[in-house]
Amino acid sequence: MGDLNNDWVLWGSIAAVVLTVVSLAGFAWRAIQGMEGETGQTGDDDNAQQG
């Protein structure tokens, strides 16, 4: 059990929480933009409509 109380586990857990929060915030941002009817600014939608 002593191996679980080291710095790698602590920083790995913090990094996992940060990545989770960032990904959820990004998903929420895209969902809000989709509900408002805004199109993506990347140009992917334009390419899909041409073909």
C-alpha atoms as a PDB file:
ATOM      1  CA  MET A   1       0.000   0.000   0.000  1.00  0.00           C
ATOM      2  CA  GLY A   2       2.981   2.322   0.456  1.00  0.00           C
ATOM      3  CA  ASP A   3       3.517   2.433  -3.314  1.00  0.00           C
ATOM      4  CA  LEU A   4       0.222   4.249  -3.795  1.00  0.00           C
ATOM      5  CA  ASN A   5       1.369   7.219  -1.713  1.00  0.00           C
ATOM      6  CA  ASN A   6       4.055   8.606  -4.002  1.00  0.00           C
ATOM      7  CA  ASP A   7       4.375  11.736  -6.119  1.00  0.00           C
ATOM      8  CA  TRP A   8       3.713   9.985  -9.450  1.00  0.00           C
ATOM      9  CA  VAL A   9       0.279   8.845  -8.315  1.00  0.00           C
ATOM     10  CA  LEU A  10      -0.530  12.295  -6.942  1.00  0.00           C
ATOM     11  CA  TRP A  11       0.482  14.163 -10.096  1.00  0.00           C
ATOM     12  CA  GLY A  12      -1.107  11.534 -12.333  1.00  0.00           C
ATOM     13  CA  SER A  13      -4.392  11.943 -10.497  1.00  0.00           C
ATOM     14  CA  ILE A  14      -4.217  15.720 -10.720  1.00  0.00           C
ATOM     15  CA  ALA A  15      -3.454  15.515 -14.450  1.00  0.00           C
ATOM     16  CA  ALA A  16      -6.389  13.153 -14.994  1.00  0.00           C
ATOM     17  CA  VAL A  17      -8.749  15.536 -13.205  1.00  0.00           C
ATOM     18  CA  VAL A  18      -7.463  18.519 -15.201  1.00  0.00           C
ATOM     19  CA  LEU A  19      -7.840  16.662 -18.512  1.00  0.00           C
ATOM     20  CA  THR A  20     -11.361  15.603 -17.552  1.00  0.00           C
ATOM     21  CA  VAL A  21     -12.400  19.155 -16.680  1.00  0.00           C
ATOM     22  CA  VAL A  22     -10.876  20.546 -19.895  1.00  0.00           C
ATOM     23  CA  SER A  23     -12.574  17.924 -22.069  1.00  0.00           C
ATOM     24  CA  LEU A  24     -15.953  18.481 -20.406  1.00  0.00           C
ATOM     25  CA  ALA A  25     -15.594  22.247 -20.815  1.00  0.00           C
ATOM     26  CA  GLY A  26     -14.746  21.794 -24.494  1.00  0.00           C
ATOM     27  CA  PHE A  27     -17.695  19.496 -25.030  1.00  0.00           C
ATOM     28  CA  ALA A  28     -20.031  21.942 -23.283  1.00  0.00           C
ATOM     29  CA  TRP A  29     -18.670  24.808 -25.413  1.00  0.00           C
ATOM     30  CA  ARG A  30     -19.316  22.906 -28.639  1.00  0.00           C
ATOM     31  CA  ALA A  31     -22.769  21.831 -27.452  1.00  0.00           C
ATOM     32  CA  ILE A  32     -23.732  25.407 -26.607  1.00  0.00           C
ATOM     33  CA  GLN A  33     -22.516  26.609 -30.000  1.00  0.00           C
ATOM     34  CA  GLY A  34     -24.538  23.867 -31.687  1.00  0.00           C
ATOM     35  CA  MET A  35     -27.703  24.820 -29.827  1.00  0.00           C
ATOM     36  CA  GLU A  36     -27.242  28.451 -30.857  1.00  0.00           C
ATOM     37  CA  GLY A  37     -27.068  27.373 -34.492  1.00  0.00           C
ATOM     38  CA  GLU A  38     -23.521  28.526 -35.091  1.00  0.00           C
ATOM     39  CA  THR A  39     -21.440  26.566 -37.575  1.00  0.00           C
ATOM     40  CA  GLY A  40     -17.901  25.435 -36.898  1.00  0.00           C
ATOM     41  CA  GLN A  41     -15.123  27.775 -37.918  1.00  0.00           C
ATOM     42  CA  THR A  42     -12.754  24.980 -38.998  1.00  0.00           C
ATOM     43  CA  GLY A  43     -14.094  24.673 -42.534  1.00  0.00           C
ATOM     44  CA  ASP A  44     -15.032  21.005 -42.155  1.00  0.00           C
ATOM     45  CA  ASP A  45     -18.729  21.763 -42.595  1.00  0.00           C
ATOM     46  CA  ASP A  46     -18.075  23.660 -45.827  1.00  0.00           C
ATOM     47  CA  ASN A  47     -16.135  20.765 -47.323  1.00  0.00           C
ATOM     48  CA  ALA A  48     -18.880  18.292 -46.414  1.00  0.00           C
ATOM     49  CA  GLN A  49     -21.571  20.413 -48.082  1.00  0.00           C
ATOM     50  CA  GLN A  50     -19.662  20.799 -51.359  1.00  0.00           C
ATOM     51  CA  GLY A  51     -19.400  17.078 -52.017  1.00  0.00           C
END
